[in-house]
Amino acid sequence: MAELINKILTRTDLKNRLAYPTHSLWAFPLLSDGQTSIRFDARDTLGKVWNLKLSTRTQGHPKPVITGEWLSLVQEKGLRVGDRIVLTREVDEDGVVSYEIRTEHKIFNVWAPVQ
């Protein structure tokens, strides 16, 4: 399993879109082939599937961001500034890729899983 994002959420992440680290773009090979966006499903810890969209700029720095159902996830999980998001990628023995998204609330400088 590869960790793609382990991020403390900011106001921009919660109100507009989730900034995605450029160094993790390798996990979406189609973006390397000239595509500027890709949709993917990520399952949360309760088994709910979220349809997310990863996009990059067409010129200059790619500045990748995640949208799609991201803001719905933020609202449903009650995420706030300072909470954490973890996105992982796994490839099974048949080569099938899956993504898991985990959210954690910050409580007294400790992060607790959000169901």
PDB file of N, CA and C in Angstrom:
ATOM      1  N   MET A   1       0.850  -1.171   0.000  1.00  0.00           N
ATOM      2  CA  MET A   1       0.000   0.000   0.000  1.00  0.00           C
ATOM      3  C   MET A   1       0.901   1.240   0.000  1.00  0.00           C
ATOM      4  N   ALA A   2       0.552   2.203  -0.854  1.00  0.00           N
ATOM      5  CA  ALA A   2       1.337   3.441  -0.946  1.00  0.00           C
ATOM      6  C   ALA A   2       0.506   4.615  -0.429  1.00  0.00           C
ATOM      7  N   GLU A   3       1.125   5.414   0.408  1.00  0.00           N
ATOM      8  CA  GLU A   3       0.455   6.607   0.931  1.00  0.00           C
ATOM      9  C   GLU A   3       0.666   7.760  -0.055  1.00  0.00           C
ATOM     10  N   LEU A   4      -0.432   8.284  -0.602  1.00  0.00           N
ATOM     11  CA  LEU A   4      -0.361   9.366  -1.587  1.00  0.00           C
ATOM     12  C   LEU A   4      -0.488  10.734  -0.937  1.00  0.00           C
ATOM     13  N   ILE A   5      -1.350  10.829   0.060  1.00  0.00           N
ATOM     14  CA  ILE A   5      -1.556  12.080   0.799  1.00  0.00           C
ATOM     15  C   ILE A   5      -1.618  11.740   2.278  1.00  0.00           C
ATOM     16  N   ASN A   6      -0.948  12.551   3.073  1.00  0.00           N
ATOM     17  CA  ASN A   6      -1.110  12.536   4.526  1.00  0.00           C
ATOM     18  C   ASN A   6      -1.011  14.010   4.891  1.00  0.00           C
ATOM     19  N   LYS A   7      -2.148  14.665   4.975  1.00  0.00           N
ATOM     20  CA  LYS A   7      -2.165  16.119   4.988  1.00  0.00           C
ATOM     21  C   LYS A   7      -3.067  16.685   6.078  1.00  0.00           C
ATOM     22  N   ILE A   8      -2.590  17.733   6.718  1.00  0.00           N
ATOM     23  CA  ILE A   8      -3.412  18.512   7.643  1.00  0.00           C
ATOM     24  C   ILE A   8      -4.204  19.494   6.776  1.00  0.00           C
ATOM     25  N   LEU A   9      -5.509  19.494   6.960  1.00  0.00           N
ATOM     26  CA  LEU A   9      -6.386  20.280   6.085  1.00  0.00           C
ATOM     27  C   LEU A   9      -6.356  21.780   6.383  1.00  0.00           C
ATOM     28  N   THR A  10      -6.390  22.562   5.305  1.00  0.00           N
ATOM     29  CA  THR A  10      -6.416  24.019   5.385  1.00  0.00           C
ATOM     30  C   THR A  10      -7.805  24.519   5.014  1.00  0.00           C
ATOM     31  N   ARG A  11      -8.013  25.807   5.199  1.00  0.00           N
ATOM     32  CA  ARG A  11      -9.293  26.436   4.831  1.00  0.00           C
ATOM     33  C   ARG A  11      -9.596  26.241   3.341  1.00  0.00           C
ATOM     34  N   THR A  12      -8.592  26.412   2.488  1.00  0.00           N
ATOM     35  CA  THR A  12      -8.792  26.223   1.040  1.00  0.00           C
ATOM     36  C   THR A  12      -9.180  24.788   0.729  1.00  0.00           C
ATOM     37  N   ASP A  13      -8.538  23.823   1.391  1.00  0.00           N
ATOM     38  CA  ASP A  13      -8.882  22.408   1.191  1.00  0.00           C
ATOM     39  C   ASP A  13     -10.351  22.151   1.504  1.00  0.00           C
ATOM     40  N   LEU A  14     -10.874  22.817   2.513  1.00  0.00           N
ATOM     41  CA  LEU A  14     -12.236  22.572   2.985  1.00  0.00           C
ATOM     42  C   LEU A  14     -13.304  23.360   2.238  1.00  0.00           C
ATOM     43  N   LYS A  15     -12.939  24.496   1.688  1.00  0.00           N
ATOM     44  CA  LYS A  15     -13.928  25.373   1.050  1.00  0.00           C
ATOM     45  C   LYS A  15     -13.945  25.265  -0.473  1.00  0.00           C
ATOM     46  N   ASN A  16     -12.819  24.836  -1.084  1.00  0.00           N
ATOM     47  CA  ASN A  16     -12.735  24.835  -2.540  1.00  0.00           C
ATOM     48  C   ASN A  16     -12.353  23.476  -3.119  1.00  0.00           C
ATOM     49  N   ARG A  17     -11.130  23.036  -2.804  1.00  0.00           N
ATOM     50  CA  ARG A  17     -10.581  21.817  -3.387  1.00  0.00           C
ATOM     51  C   ARG A  17      -9.407  21.361  -2.525  1.00  0.00           C
ATOM     52  N   LEU A  18      -9.102  20.082  -2.630  1.00  0.00           N
ATOM     53  CA  LEU A  18      -7.994  19.511  -1.866  1.00  0.00           C
ATOM     54  C   LEU A  18      -6.717  19.581  -2.702  1.00  0.00           C
ATOM     55  N   ALA A  19      -5.711  20.281  -2.203  1.00  0.00           N
ATOM     56  CA  ALA A  19      -4.416  20.322  -2.882  1.00  0.00           C
ATOM     57  C   ALA A  19      -3.796  18.928  -2.820  1.00  0.00           C
ATOM     58  N   TYR A  20      -3.295  18.456  -3.966  1.00  0.00           N
ATOM     59  CA  TYR A  20      -2.716  17.121  -4.079  1.00  0.00           C
ATOM     60  C   TYR A  20      -1.211  17.268  -4.330  1.00  0.00           C
ATOM     61  N   PRO A  21      -0.377  16.500  -3.640  1.00  0.00           N
ATOM     62  CA  PRO A  21       1.071  16.658  -3.800  1.00  0.00           C
ATOM     63  C   PRO A  21       1.571  16.214  -5.182  1.00  0.00           C
ATOM     64  N   THR A  22       2.354  17.067  -5.807  1.00  0.00           N
ATOM     65  CA  THR A  22       2.905  16.777  -7.133  1.00  0.00           C
ATOM     66  C   THR A  22       3.725  15.493  -7.123  1.00  0.00           C
ATOM     67  N   HIS A  23       4.455  15.243  -6.041  1.00  0.00           N
ATOM     68  CA  HIS A  23       5.300  14.044  -5.994  1.00  0.00           C
ATOM     69  C   HIS A  23       4.499  12.737  -5.997  1.00  0.00           C
ATOM     70  N   SER A  24       3.172  12.807  -5.827  1.00  0.00           N
ATOM     71  CA  SER A  24       2.342  11.599  -5.847  1.00  0.00           C
ATOM     72  C   SER A  24       1.586  11.414  -7.163  1.00  0.00           C
ATOM     73  N   LEU A  25       1.881  12.245  -8.158  1.00  0.00           N
ATOM     74  CA  LEU A  25       1.207  12.103  -9.457  1.00  0.00           C
ATOM     75  C   LEU A  25       1.516  10.773 -10.140  1.00  0.00           C
ATOM     76  N   TRP A  26       2.623  10.126  -9.772  1.00  0.00           N
ATOM     77  CA  TRP A  26       2.985   8.831 -10.348  1.00  0.00           C
ATOM     78  C   TRP A  26       1.860   7.812 -10.217  1.00  0.00           C
ATOM     79  N   ALA A  27       0.980   7.979  -9.210  1.00  0.00           N
ATOM     80  CA  ALA A  27      -0.089   7.015  -8.942  1.00  0.00           C
ATOM     81  C   ALA A  27      -1.202   7.061  -9.982  1.00  0.00           C
ATOM     82  N   PHE A  28      -1.162   8.072 -10.852  1.00  0.00           N
ATOM     83  CA  PHE A  28      -2.176   8.236 -11.897  1.00  0.00           C
ATOM     84  C   PHE A  28      -1.469   8.380 -13.244  1.00  0.00           C
ATOM     85  N   PRO A  29      -1.023   7.261 -13.837  1.00  0.00           N
ATOM     86  CA  PRO A  29      -0.209   7.300 -15.052  1.00  0.00           C
ATOM     87  C   PRO A  29      -0.858   8.033 -16.230  1.00  0.00           C
ATOM     88  N   LEU A  30      -2.185   8.038 -16.325  1.00  0.00           N
ATOM     89  CA  LEU A  30      -2.834   8.731 -17.451  1.00  0.00           C
ATOM     90  C   LEU A  30      -2.515  10.217 -17.462  1.00  0.00           C
ATOM     91  N   LEU A  31      -2.271  10.804 -16.290  1.00  0.00           N
ATOM     92  CA  LEU A  31      -1.917  12.223 -16.240  1.00  0.00           C
ATOM     93  C   LEU A  31      -0.534  12.452 -16.848  1.00  0.00           C
ATOM     94  N   SER A  32       0.318  11.452 -16.811  1.00  0.00           N
ATOM     95  CA  SER A  32       1.641  11.558 -17.430  1.00  0.00           C
ATOM     96  C   SER A  32       1.546  11.463 -18.950  1.00  0.00           C
ATOM     97  N   ASP A  33       0.460  10.907 -19.440  1.00  0.00           N
ATOM     98  CA  ASP A  33       0.269  10.732 -20.887  1.00  0.00           C
ATOM     99  C   ASP A  33      -0.435  11.917 -21.530  1.00  0.00           C
ATOM    100  N   GLY A  34      -0.492  13.050 -20.837  1.00  0.00           N
ATOM    101  CA  GLY A  34      -1.068  14.250 -21.432  1.00  0.00           C
ATOM    102  C   GLY A  34      -2.479  14.588 -20.983  1.00  0.00           C
ATOM    103  N   GLN A  35      -3.154  13.670 -20.321  1.00  0.00           N
ATOM    104  CA  GLN A  35      -4.474  13.981 -19.788  1.00  0.00           C
ATOM    105  C   GLN A  35      -4.330  15.011 -18.678  1.00  0.00           C
ATOM    106  N   THR A  36      -5.312  15.888 -18.502  1.00  0.00           N
ATOM    107  CA  THR A  36      -5.234  16.888 -17.433  1.00  0.00           C
ATOM    108  C   THR A  36      -6.173  16.588 -16.274  1.00  0.00           C
ATOM    109  N   SER A  37      -7.001  15.547 -16.410  1.00  0.00           N
ATOM    110  CA  SER A  37      -7.863  15.167 -15.284  1.00  0.00           C
ATOM    111  C   SER A  37      -8.212  13.686 -15.384  1.00  0.00           C
ATOM    112  N   ILE A  38      -8.520  13.134 -14.237  1.00  0.00           N
ATOM    113  CA  ILE A  38      -8.925  11.729 -14.163  1.00  0.00           C
ATOM    114  C   ILE A  38      -9.869  11.564 -12.980  1.00  0.00           C
ATOM    115  N   ARG A  39     -10.903  10.771 -13.168  1.00  0.00           N
ATOM    116  CA  ARG A  39     -11.823  10.450 -12.074  1.00  0.00           C
ATOM    117  C   ARG A  39     -11.418   9.107 -11.481  1.00  0.00           C
ATOM    118  N   PHE A  40     -11.572   8.997 -10.153  1.00  0.00           N
ATOM    119  CA  PHE A  40     -11.279   7.740  -9.477  1.00  0.00           C
ATOM    120  C   PHE A  40     -12.175   7.624  -8.260  1.00  0.00           C
ATOM    121  N   ASP A  41     -12.396   6.387  -7.823  1.00  0.00           N
ATOM    122  CA  ASP A  41     -13.203   6.117  -6.636  1.00  0.00           C
ATOM    123  C   ASP A  41     -12.291   5.808  -5.461  1.00  0.00           C
ATOM    124  N   ALA A  42     -12.631   6.357  -4.309  1.00  0.00           N
ATOM    125  CA  ALA A  42     -11.895   6.082  -3.075  1.00  0.00           C
ATOM    126  C   ALA A  42     -12.905   5.649  -2.021  1.00  0.00           C
ATOM    127  N   ARG A  43     -12.608   4.538  -1.370  1.00  0.00           N
ATOM    128  CA  ARG A  43     -13.500   3.978  -0.340  1.00  0.00           C
ATOM    129  C   ARG A  43     -13.058   4.487   1.026  1.00  0.00           C
ATOM    130  N   ASP A  44     -14.048   4.928   1.836  1.00  0.00           N
ATOM    131  CA  ASP A  44     -13.712   5.383   3.188  1.00  0.00           C
ATOM    132  C   ASP A  44     -13.735   4.207   4.158  1.00  0.00           C
ATOM    133  N   THR A  45     -13.483   4.471   5.421  1.00  0.00           N
ATOM    134  CA  THR A  45     -13.375   3.398   6.417  1.00  0.00           C
ATOM    135  C   THR A  45     -14.702   2.700   6.696  1.00  0.00           C
ATOM    136  N   LEU A  46     -15.823   3.326   6.283  1.00  0.00           N
ATOM    137  CA  LEU A  46     -17.136   2.696   6.452  1.00  0.00           C
ATOM    138  C   LEU A  46     -17.579   1.952   5.196  1.00  0.00           C
ATOM    139  N   GLY A  47     -16.737   2.008   4.146  1.00  0.00           N
ATOM    140  CA  GLY A  47     -17.069   1.325   2.905  1.00  0.00           C
ATOM    141  C   GLY A  47     -17.778   2.193   1.883  1.00  0.00           C
ATOM    142  N   LYS A  48     -18.048   3.450   2.216  1.00  0.00           N
ATOM    143  CA  LYS A  48     -18.695   4.344   1.257  1.00  0.00           C
ATOM    144  C   LYS A  48     -17.681   4.735   0.186  1.00  0.00           C
ATOM    145  N   VAL A  49     -18.147   4.734  -1.069  1.00  0.00           N
ATOM    146  CA  VAL A  49     -17.285   5.077  -2.193  1.00  0.00           C
ATOM    147  C   VAL A  49     -17.532   6.531  -2.591  1.00  0.00           C
ATOM    148  N   TRP A  50     -16.437   7.282  -2.713  1.00  0.00           N
ATOM    149  CA  TRP A  50     -16.482   8.687  -3.102  1.00  0.00           C
ATOM    150  C   TRP A  50     -15.853   8.818  -4.485  1.00  0.00           C
ATOM    151  N   ASN A  51     -16.584   9.460  -5.414  1.00  0.00           N
ATOM    152  CA  ASN A  51     -16.055   9.683  -6.759  1.00  0.00           C
ATOM    153  C   ASN A  51     -15.305  11.009  -6.771  1.00  0.00           C
ATOM    154  N   LEU A  52     -14.001  10.933  -6.942  1.00  0.00           N
ATOM    155  CA  LEU A  52     -13.150  12.112  -6.887  1.00  0.00           C
ATOM    156  C   LEU A  52     -12.527  12.383  -8.249  1.00  0.00           C
ATOM    157  N   LYS A  53     -12.119  13.619  -8.463  1.00  0.00           N
ATOM    158  CA  LYS A  53     -11.501  14.018  -9.723  1.00  0.00           C
ATOM    159  C   LYS A  53     -10.178  14.706  -9.413  1.00  0.00           C
ATOM    160  N   LEU A  54      -9.104  14.182  -9.991  1.00  0.00           N
ATOM    161  CA  LEU A  54      -7.781  14.786  -9.860  1.00  0.00           C
ATOM    162  C   LEU A  54      -7.489  15.559 -11.143  1.00  0.00           C
ATOM    163  N   SER A  55      -7.176  16.834 -11.006  1.00  0.00           N
ATOM    164  CA  SER A  55      -6.911  17.693 -12.168  1.00  0.00           C
ATOM    165  C   SER A  55      -5.573  18.385 -12.013  1.00  0.00           C
ATOM    166  N   THR A  56      -4.964  18.690 -13.165  1.00  0.00           N
ATOM    167  CA  THR A  56      -3.731  19.469 -13.182  1.00  0.00           C
ATOM    168  C   THR A  56      -3.894  20.619 -14.171  1.00  0.00           C
ATOM    169  N   ARG A  57      -3.054  21.632 -14.023  1.00  0.00           N
ATOM    170  CA  ARG A  57      -3.052  22.749 -14.965  1.00  0.00           C
ATOM    171  C   ARG A  57      -2.471  22.285 -16.302  1.00  0.00           C
ATOM    172  N   THR A  58      -2.858  22.973 -17.365  1.00  0.00           N
ATOM    173  CA  THR A  58      -2.342  22.622 -18.685  1.00  0.00           C
ATOM    174  C   THR A  58      -0.990  23.265 -18.965  1.00  0.00           C
ATOM    175  N   GLN A  59      -0.670  24.373 -18.281  1.00  0.00           N
ATOM    176  CA  GLN A  59       0.607  25.054 -18.507  1.00  0.00           C
ATOM    177  C   GLN A  59       1.261  25.393 -17.171  1.00  0.00           C
ATOM    178  N   GLY A  60       2.588  25.498 -17.201  1.00  0.00           N
ATOM    179  CA  GLY A  60       3.316  25.855 -15.989  1.00  0.00           C
ATOM    180  C   GLY A  60       3.326  24.716 -14.980  1.00  0.00           C
ATOM    181  N   HIS A  61       3.430  25.085 -13.712  1.00  0.00           N
ATOM    182  CA  HIS A  61       3.418  24.096 -12.621  1.00  0.00           C
ATOM    183  C   HIS A  61       2.082  23.368 -12.637  1.00  0.00           C
ATOM    184  N   PRO A  62       2.078  22.027 -12.517  1.00  0.00           N
ATOM    185  CA  PRO A  62       0.814  21.278 -12.625  1.00  0.00           C
ATOM    186  C   PRO A  62      -0.212  21.606 -11.531  1.00  0.00           C
ATOM    187  N   LYS A  63       0.231  21.972 -10.321  1.00  0.00           N
ATOM    188  CA  LYS A  63      -0.646  22.308  -9.186  1.00  0.00           C
ATOM    189  C   LYS A  63      -1.880  21.394  -9.122  1.00  0.00           C
ATOM    190  N   PRO A  64      -1.674  20.110  -8.869  1.00  0.00           N
ATOM    191  CA  PRO A  64      -2.790  19.164  -8.840  1.00  0.00           C
ATOM    192  C   PRO A  64      -3.764  19.428  -7.684  1.00  0.00           C
ATOM    193  N   VAL A  65      -5.047  19.206  -7.980  1.00  0.00           N
ATOM    194  CA  VAL A  65      -6.098  19.368  -6.974  1.00  0.00           C
ATOM    195  C   VAL A  65      -7.137  18.264  -7.135  1.00  0.00           C
ATOM    196  N   ILE A  66      -7.816  17.951  -6.027  1.00  0.00           N
ATOM    197  CA  ILE A  66      -8.900  16.975  -6.036  1.00  0.00           C
ATOM    198  C   ILE A  66     -10.216  17.702  -5.818  1.00  0.00           C
ATOM    199  N   THR A  67     -11.179  17.397  -6.701  1.00  0.00           N
ATOM    200  CA  THR A  67     -12.543  17.933  -6.584  1.00  0.00           C
ATOM    201  C   THR A  67     -13.499  16.735  -6.684  1.00  0.00           C
ATOM    202  N   GLY A  68     -14.541  16.832  -7.469  1.00  0.00           N
ATOM    203  CA  GLY A  68     -15.533  15.759  -7.539  1.00  0.00           C
ATOM    204  C   GLY A  68     -16.376  15.812  -6.275  1.00  0.00           C
ATOM    205  N   GLU A  69     -16.519  14.688  -5.603  1.00  0.00           N
ATOM    206  CA  GLU A  69     -17.326  14.625  -4.377  1.00  0.00           C
ATOM    207  C   GLU A  69     -16.539  15.038  -3.130  1.00  0.00           C
ATOM    208  N   TRP A  70     -15.384  15.662  -3.319  1.00  0.00           N
ATOM    209  CA  TRP A  70     -14.547  16.069  -2.193  1.00  0.00           C
ATOM    210  C   TRP A  70     -15.312  16.939  -1.197  1.00  0.00           C
ATOM    211  N   LEU A  71     -15.998  17.988  -1.652  1.00  0.00           N
ATOM    212  CA  LEU A  71     -16.696  18.891  -0.719  1.00  0.00           C
ATOM    213  C   LEU A  71     -17.860  18.188  -0.014  1.00  0.00           C
ATOM    214  N   SER A  72     -18.484  17.218  -0.680  1.00  0.00           N
ATOM    215  CA  SER A  72     -19.535  16.420  -0.027  1.00  0.00           C
ATOM    216  C   SER A  72     -18.934  15.571   1.085  1.00  0.00           C
ATOM    217  N   LEU A  73     -17.748  15.008   0.838  1.00  0.00           N
ATOM    218  CA  LEU A  73     -17.050  14.231   1.860  1.00  0.00           C
ATOM    219  C   LEU A  73     -16.716  15.119   3.053  1.00  0.00           C
ATOM    220  N   VAL A  74     -16.206  16.316   2.772  1.00  0.00           N
ATOM    221  CA  VAL A  74     -15.866  17.277   3.839  1.00  0.00           C
ATOM    222  C   VAL A  74     -17.087  17.530   4.716  1.00  0.00           C
ATOM    223  N   GLN A  75     -18.224  17.792   4.068  1.00  0.00           N
ATOM    224  CA  GLN A  75     -19.454  18.106   4.800  1.00  0.00           C
ATOM    225  C   GLN A  75     -19.948  16.891   5.591  1.00  0.00           C
ATOM    226  N   GLU A  76     -19.998  15.734   4.944  1.00  0.00           N
ATOM    227  CA  GLU A  76     -20.520  14.541   5.623  1.00  0.00           C
ATOM    228  C   GLU A  76     -19.660  14.130   6.821  1.00  0.00           C
ATOM    229  N   LYS A  77     -18.356  14.282   6.694  1.00  0.00           N
ATOM    230  CA  LYS A  77     -17.445  13.898   7.778  1.00  0.00           C
ATOM    231  C   LYS A  77     -17.267  15.007   8.814  1.00  0.00           C
ATOM    232  N   GLY A  78     -17.794  16.205   8.525  1.00  0.00           N
ATOM    233  CA  GLY A  78     -17.671  17.314   9.473  1.00  0.00           C
ATOM    234  C   GLY A  78     -16.225  17.757   9.654  1.00  0.00           C
ATOM    235  N   LEU A  79     -15.467  17.758   8.566  1.00  0.00           N
ATOM    236  CA  LEU A  79     -14.046  18.108   8.656  1.00  0.00           C
ATOM    237  C   LEU A  79     -13.841  19.592   8.902  1.00  0.00           C
ATOM    238  N   ARG A  80     -12.756  19.896   9.637  1.00  0.00           N
ATOM    239  CA  ARG A  80     -12.423  21.274   9.995  1.00  0.00           C
ATOM    240  C   ARG A  80     -10.932  21.520   9.735  1.00  0.00           C
ATOM    241  N   VAL A  81     -10.556  22.789   9.728  1.00  0.00           N
ATOM    242  CA  VAL A  81      -9.152  23.151   9.596  1.00  0.00           C
ATOM    243  C   VAL A  81      -8.369  22.447  10.708  1.00  0.00           C
ATOM    244  N   GLY A  82      -7.244  21.825  10.347  1.00  0.00           N
ATOM    245  CA  GLY A  82      -6.426  21.103  11.323  1.00  0.00           C
ATOM    246  C   GLY A  82      -6.683  19.607  11.350  1.00  0.00           C
ATOM    247  N   ASP A  83      -7.820  19.150  10.781  1.00  0.00           N
ATOM    248  CA  ASP A  83      -8.072  17.716  10.682  1.00  0.00           C
ATOM    249  C   ASP A  83      -7.124  17.129   9.636  1.00  0.00           C
ATOM    250  N   ARG A  84      -7.063  15.808   9.567  1.00  0.00           N
ATOM    251  CA  ARG A  84      -6.120  15.138   8.669  1.00  0.00           C
ATOM    252  C   ARG A  84      -6.860  14.274   7.648  1.00  0.00           C
ATOM    253  N   ILE A  85      -6.269  14.200   6.452  1.00  0.00           N
ATOM    254  CA  ILE A  85      -6.767  13.314   5.396  1.00  0.00           C
ATOM    255  C   ILE A  85      -5.607  12.414   4.967  1.00  0.00           C
ATOM    256  N   VAL A  86      -5.900  11.135   4.787  1.00  0.00           N
ATOM    257  CA  VAL A  86      -4.901  10.183   4.305  1.00  0.00           C
ATOM    258  C   VAL A  86      -5.520   9.443   3.122  1.00  0.00           C
ATOM    259  N   LEU A  87      -4.835   9.490   1.979  1.00  0.00           N
ATOM    260  CA  LEU A  87      -5.271   8.783   0.779  1.00  0.00           C
ATOM    261  C   LEU A  87      -4.198   7.759   0.433  1.00  0.00           C
ATOM    262  N   THR A  88      -4.616   6.498   0.278  1.00  0.00           N
ATOM    263  CA  THR A  88      -3.666   5.436  -0.052  1.00  0.00           C
ATOM    264  C   THR A  88      -4.100   4.730  -1.339  1.00  0.00           C
ATOM    265  N   ARG A  89      -3.121   4.095  -1.958  1.00  0.00           N
ATOM    266  CA  ARG A  89      -3.343   3.341  -3.207  1.00  0.00           C
ATOM    267  C   ARG A  89      -2.813   1.930  -2.994  1.00  0.00           C
ATOM    268  N   GLU A  90      -3.606   0.948  -3.423  1.00  0.00           N
ATOM    269  CA  GLU A  90      -3.190  -0.436  -3.291  1.00  0.00           C
ATOM    270  C   GLU A  90      -3.411  -1.149  -4.618  1.00  0.00           C
ATOM    271  N   VAL A  91      -2.504  -2.050  -4.954  1.00  0.00           N
ATOM    272  CA  VAL A  91      -2.626  -2.880  -6.148  1.00  0.00           C
ATOM    273  C   VAL A  91      -2.673  -4.328  -5.687  1.00  0.00           C
ATOM    274  N   ASP A  92      -3.767  -5.034  -6.039  1.00  0.00           N
ATOM    275  CA  ASP A  92      -3.874  -6.431  -5.595  1.00  0.00           C
ATOM    276  C   ASP A  92      -3.074  -7.359  -6.519  1.00  0.00           C
ATOM    277  N   GLU A  93      -3.110  -8.650  -6.219  1.00  0.00           N
ATOM    278  CA  GLU A  93      -2.314  -9.621  -6.974  1.00  0.00           C
ATOM    279  C   GLU A  93      -2.725  -9.730  -8.444  1.00  0.00           C
ATOM    280  N   ASP A  94      -3.936  -9.276  -8.783  1.00  0.00           N
ATOM    281  CA  ASP A  94      -4.393  -9.281 -10.175  1.00  0.00           C
ATOM    282  C   ASP A  94      -4.112  -7.964 -10.886  1.00  0.00           C
ATOM    283  N   GLY A  95      -3.447  -7.036 -10.184  1.00  0.00           N
ATOM    284  CA  GLY A  95      -3.119  -5.744 -10.792  1.00  0.00           C
ATOM    285  C   GLY A  95      -4.234  -4.716 -10.699  1.00  0.00           C
ATOM    286  N   VAL A  96      -5.283  -5.022  -9.927  1.00  0.00           N
ATOM    287  CA  VAL A  96      -6.402  -4.085  -9.768  1.00  0.00           C
ATOM    288  C   VAL A  96      -6.024  -3.023  -8.743  1.00  0.00           C
ATOM    289  N   VAL A  97      -6.178  -1.756  -9.144  1.00  0.00           N
ATOM    290  CA  VAL A  97      -5.826  -0.624  -8.282  1.00  0.00           C
ATOM    291  C   VAL A  97      -7.052  -0.170  -7.497  1.00  0.00           C
ATOM    292  N   SER A  98      -6.860   0.086  -6.207  1.00  0.00           N
ATOM    293  CA  SER A  98      -7.941   0.649  -5.393  1.00  0.00           C
ATOM    294  C   SER A  98      -7.366   1.754  -4.517  1.00  0.00           C
ATOM    295  N   TYR A  99      -8.252   2.676  -4.118  1.00  0.00           N
ATOM    296  CA  TYR A  99      -7.860   3.808  -3.291  1.00  0.00           C
ATOM    297  C   TYR A  99      -8.701   3.812  -2.030  1.00  0.00           C
ATOM    298  N   GLU A 100      -8.072   4.176  -0.917  1.00  0.00           N
ATOM    299  CA  GLU A 100      -8.784   4.296   0.354  1.00  0.00           C
ATOM    300  C   GLU A 100      -8.540   5.694   0.903  1.00  0.00           C
ATOM    301  N   ILE A 101      -9.607   6.292   1.438  1.00  0.00           N
ATOM    302  CA  ILE A 101      -9.493   7.626   2.021  1.00  0.00           C
ATOM    303  C   ILE A 101      -9.880   7.542   3.493  1.00  0.00           C
ATOM    304  N   ARG A 102      -9.020   8.090   4.345  1.00  0.00           N
ATOM    305  CA  ARG A 102      -9.251   8.073   5.793  1.00  0.00           C
ATOM    306  C   ARG A 102      -9.212   9.511   6.298  1.00  0.00           C
ATOM    307  N   THR A 103     -10.140   9.833   7.175  1.00  0.00           N
ATOM    308  CA  THR A 103     -10.189  11.177   7.751  1.00  0.00           C
ATOM    309  C   THR A 103     -10.049  11.081   9.259  1.00  0.00           C
ATOM    310  N   GLU A 104      -9.395  12.089   9.836  1.00  0.00           N
ATOM    311  CA  GLU A 104      -9.182  12.111  11.284  1.00  0.00           C
ATOM    312  C   GLU A 104      -9.416  13.520  11.805  1.00  0.00           C
ATOM    313  N   HIS A 105     -10.204  13.622  12.883  1.00  0.00           N
ATOM    314  CA  HIS A 105     -10.429  14.914  13.542  1.00  0.00           C
ATOM    315  C   HIS A 105      -9.278  15.192  14.499  1.00  0.00           C
ATOM    316  N   LYS A 106      -8.872  16.436  14.569  1.00  0.00           N
ATOM    317  CA  LYS A 106      -7.855  16.835  15.536  1.00  0.00           C
ATOM    318  C   LYS A 106      -8.557  17.157  16.854  1.00  0.00           C
ATOM    319  N   ILE A 107      -8.180  16.435  17.907  1.00  0.00           N
ATOM    320  CA  ILE A 107      -8.759  16.644  19.235  1.00  0.00           C
ATOM    321  C   ILE A 107      -7.606  16.769  20.217  1.00  0.00           C
ATOM    322  N   PHE A 108      -7.436  17.975  20.758  1.00  0.00           N
ATOM    323  CA  PHE A 108      -6.355  18.226  21.728  1.00  0.00           C
ATOM    324  C   PHE A 108      -4.987  17.774  21.181  1.00  0.00           C
ATOM    325  N   ASN A 109      -4.674  18.203  19.976  1.00  0.00           N
ATOM    326  CA  ASN A 109      -3.397  17.912  19.318  1.00  0.00           C
ATOM    327  C   ASN A 109      -3.150  16.426  19.052  1.00  0.00           C
ATOM    328  N   VAL A 110      -4.226  15.652  19.010  1.00  0.00           N
ATOM    329  CA  VAL A 110      -4.173  14.232  18.643  1.00  0.00           C
ATOM    330  C   VAL A 110      -5.253  14.024  17.586  1.00  0.00           C
ATOM    331  N   TRP A 111      -4.991  13.147  16.598  1.00  0.00           N
ATOM    332  CA  TRP A 111      -5.975  12.907  15.555  1.00  0.00           C
ATOM    333  C   TRP A 111      -6.738  11.613  15.843  1.00  0.00           C
ATOM    334  N   ALA A 112      -8.071  11.708  15.802  1.00  0.00           N
ATOM    335  CA  ALA A 112      -8.933  10.558  16.050  1.00  0.00           C
ATOM    336  C   ALA A 112      -9.676  10.213  14.756  1.00  0.00           C
ATOM    337  N   PRO A 113      -9.766   8.918  14.408  1.00  0.00           N
ATOM    338  CA  PRO A 113     -10.448   8.526  13.171  1.00  0.00           C
ATOM    339  C   PRO A 113     -11.892   9.011  13.137  1.00  0.00           C
ATOM    340  N   VAL A 114     -12.327   9.406  11.928  1.00  0.00           N
ATOM    341  CA  VAL A 114     -13.714   9.816  11.699  1.00  0.00           C
ATOM    342  C   VAL A 114     -14.401   8.672  11.001  1.00  0.00           C
ATOM    343  N   GLN A 115     -15.544   8.264  11.478  1.00  0.00           N
ATOM    344  CA  GLN A 115     -16.307   7.193  10.839  1.00  0.00           C
ATOM    345  C   GLN A 115     -17.249   7.772   9.869  1.00  0.00           C
TER     346      GLN A 115
END
